[in-house]
Amino acid sequence: MEDKKFFYLLGVISYISWPLYFLMKLSEYPTSDIVEALTFITVVAIFYFIILYFYFD
């Protein structure tokens, strides 16, 4: 697998794992914490994919 594809796949899998984790542990966290965490991971994922795009371009 080439590096670019691997890093994009890694980013997608890690981004998808956060909502799945919170779905499994929904009763343990208040809604505000879940929204905050998902907002954070979305912002970080956007920066991650932008950096990857410019790195491999």
C-alpha atoms as a PDB file:
ATOM      1  CA  MET A   1       0.000   0.000   0.000  1.00  0.00           C
ATOM      2  CA  GLU A   2       1.400   3.370  -0.903  1.00  0.00           C
ATOM      3  CA  ASP A   3       2.055   5.954   1.815  1.00  0.00           C
ATOM      4  CA  LYS A   4      -0.591   8.448   0.735  1.00  0.00           C
ATOM      5  CA  LYS A   5      -3.360   5.847   0.723  1.00  0.00           C
ATOM      6  CA  PHE A   6      -2.208   4.440   4.058  1.00  0.00           C
ATOM      7  CA  PHE A   7      -2.263   7.820   5.818  1.00  0.00           C
ATOM      8  CA  TYR A   8      -5.675   8.713   4.408  1.00  0.00           C
ATOM      9  CA  LEU A   9      -7.023   5.332   5.510  1.00  0.00           C
ATOM     10  CA  LEU A  10      -5.498   5.813   8.954  1.00  0.00           C
ATOM     11  CA  GLY A  11      -7.203   9.197   9.254  1.00  0.00           C
ATOM     12  CA  VAL A  12     -10.589   7.860   8.184  1.00  0.00           C
ATOM     13  CA  ILE A  13     -10.450   4.889  10.543  1.00  0.00           C
ATOM     14  CA  SER A  14      -9.426   7.033  13.503  1.00  0.00           C
ATOM     15  CA  TYR A  15     -12.143   9.596  12.694  1.00  0.00           C
ATOM     16  CA  ILE A  16     -14.836   6.905  12.489  1.00  0.00           C
ATOM     17  CA  SER A  17     -13.702   5.235  15.706  1.00  0.00           C
ATOM     18  CA  TRP A  18     -14.554   8.262  17.878  1.00  0.00           C
ATOM     19  CA  PRO A  19     -18.313   8.332  17.157  1.00  0.00           C
ATOM     20  CA  LEU A  20     -18.444   4.540  17.458  1.00  0.00           C
ATOM     21  CA  TYR A  21     -16.770   4.732  20.853  1.00  0.00           C
ATOM     22  CA  PHE A  22     -19.247   7.332  22.078  1.00  0.00           C
ATOM     23  CA  LEU A  23     -22.166   5.298  20.756  1.00  0.00           C
ATOM     24  CA  MET A  24     -20.986   2.328  22.809  1.00  0.00           C
ATOM     25  CA  LYS A  25     -20.386   4.445  25.942  1.00  0.00           C
ATOM     26  CA  LEU A  26     -23.329   6.840  25.498  1.00  0.00           C
ATOM     27  CA  SER A  27     -24.603   6.495  29.063  1.00  0.00           C
ATOM     28  CA  GLU A  28     -21.206   7.239  30.634  1.00  0.00           C
ATOM     29  CA  TYR A  29     -20.762  10.746  29.193  1.00  0.00           C
ATOM     30  CA  PRO A  30     -22.984  13.827  29.242  1.00  0.00           C
ATOM     31  CA  THR A  31     -24.170  15.019  25.845  1.00  0.00           C
ATOM     32  CA  SER A  32     -22.158  18.232  26.093  1.00  0.00           C
ATOM     33  CA  ASP A  33     -18.909  16.288  26.487  1.00  0.00           C
ATOM     34  CA  ILE A  34     -19.726  14.112  23.471  1.00  0.00           C
ATOM     35  CA  VAL A  35     -20.494  17.131  21.304  1.00  0.00           C
ATOM     36  CA  GLU A  36     -17.289  18.829  22.447  1.00  0.00           C
ATOM     37  CA  ALA A  37     -15.186  15.748  21.694  1.00  0.00           C
ATOM     38  CA  LEU A  38     -16.738  15.201  18.273  1.00  0.00           C
ATOM     39  CA  THR A  39     -16.250  18.867  17.404  1.00  0.00           C
ATOM     40  CA  PHE A  40     -12.613  18.630  18.459  1.00  0.00           C
ATOM     41  CA  ILE A  41     -11.906  15.484  16.439  1.00  0.00           C
ATOM     42  CA  THR A  42     -13.613  17.014  13.394  1.00  0.00           C
ATOM     43  CA  VAL A  43     -11.407  20.110  13.539  1.00  0.00           C
ATOM     44  CA  VAL A  44      -8.290  18.014  14.079  1.00  0.00           C
ATOM     45  CA  ALA A  45      -9.232  15.651  11.236  1.00  0.00           C
ATOM     46  CA  ILE A  46      -9.728  18.571   8.856  1.00  0.00           C
ATOM     47  CA  PHE A  47      -6.251  19.871   9.692  1.00  0.00           C
ATOM     48  CA  TYR A  48      -4.827  16.363   9.358  1.00  0.00           C
ATOM     49  CA  PHE A  49      -6.251  15.882   5.872  1.00  0.00           C
ATOM     50  CA  ILE A  50      -5.174  19.374   4.774  1.00  0.00           C
ATOM     51  CA  ILE A  51      -1.631  18.677   5.934  1.00  0.00           C
ATOM     52  CA  LEU A  52      -1.634  15.317   4.145  1.00  0.00           C
ATOM     53  CA  TYR A  53      -2.918  16.907   0.973  1.00  0.00           C
ATOM     54  CA  PHE A  54      -0.139  19.512   0.913  1.00  0.00           C
ATOM     55  CA  TYR A  55       2.530  17.007   1.967  1.00  0.00           C
ATOM     56  CA  PHE A  56       1.777  14.555  -0.839  1.00  0.00           C
ATOM     57  CA  ASP A  57       0.969  17.204  -3.459  1.00  0.00           C
END
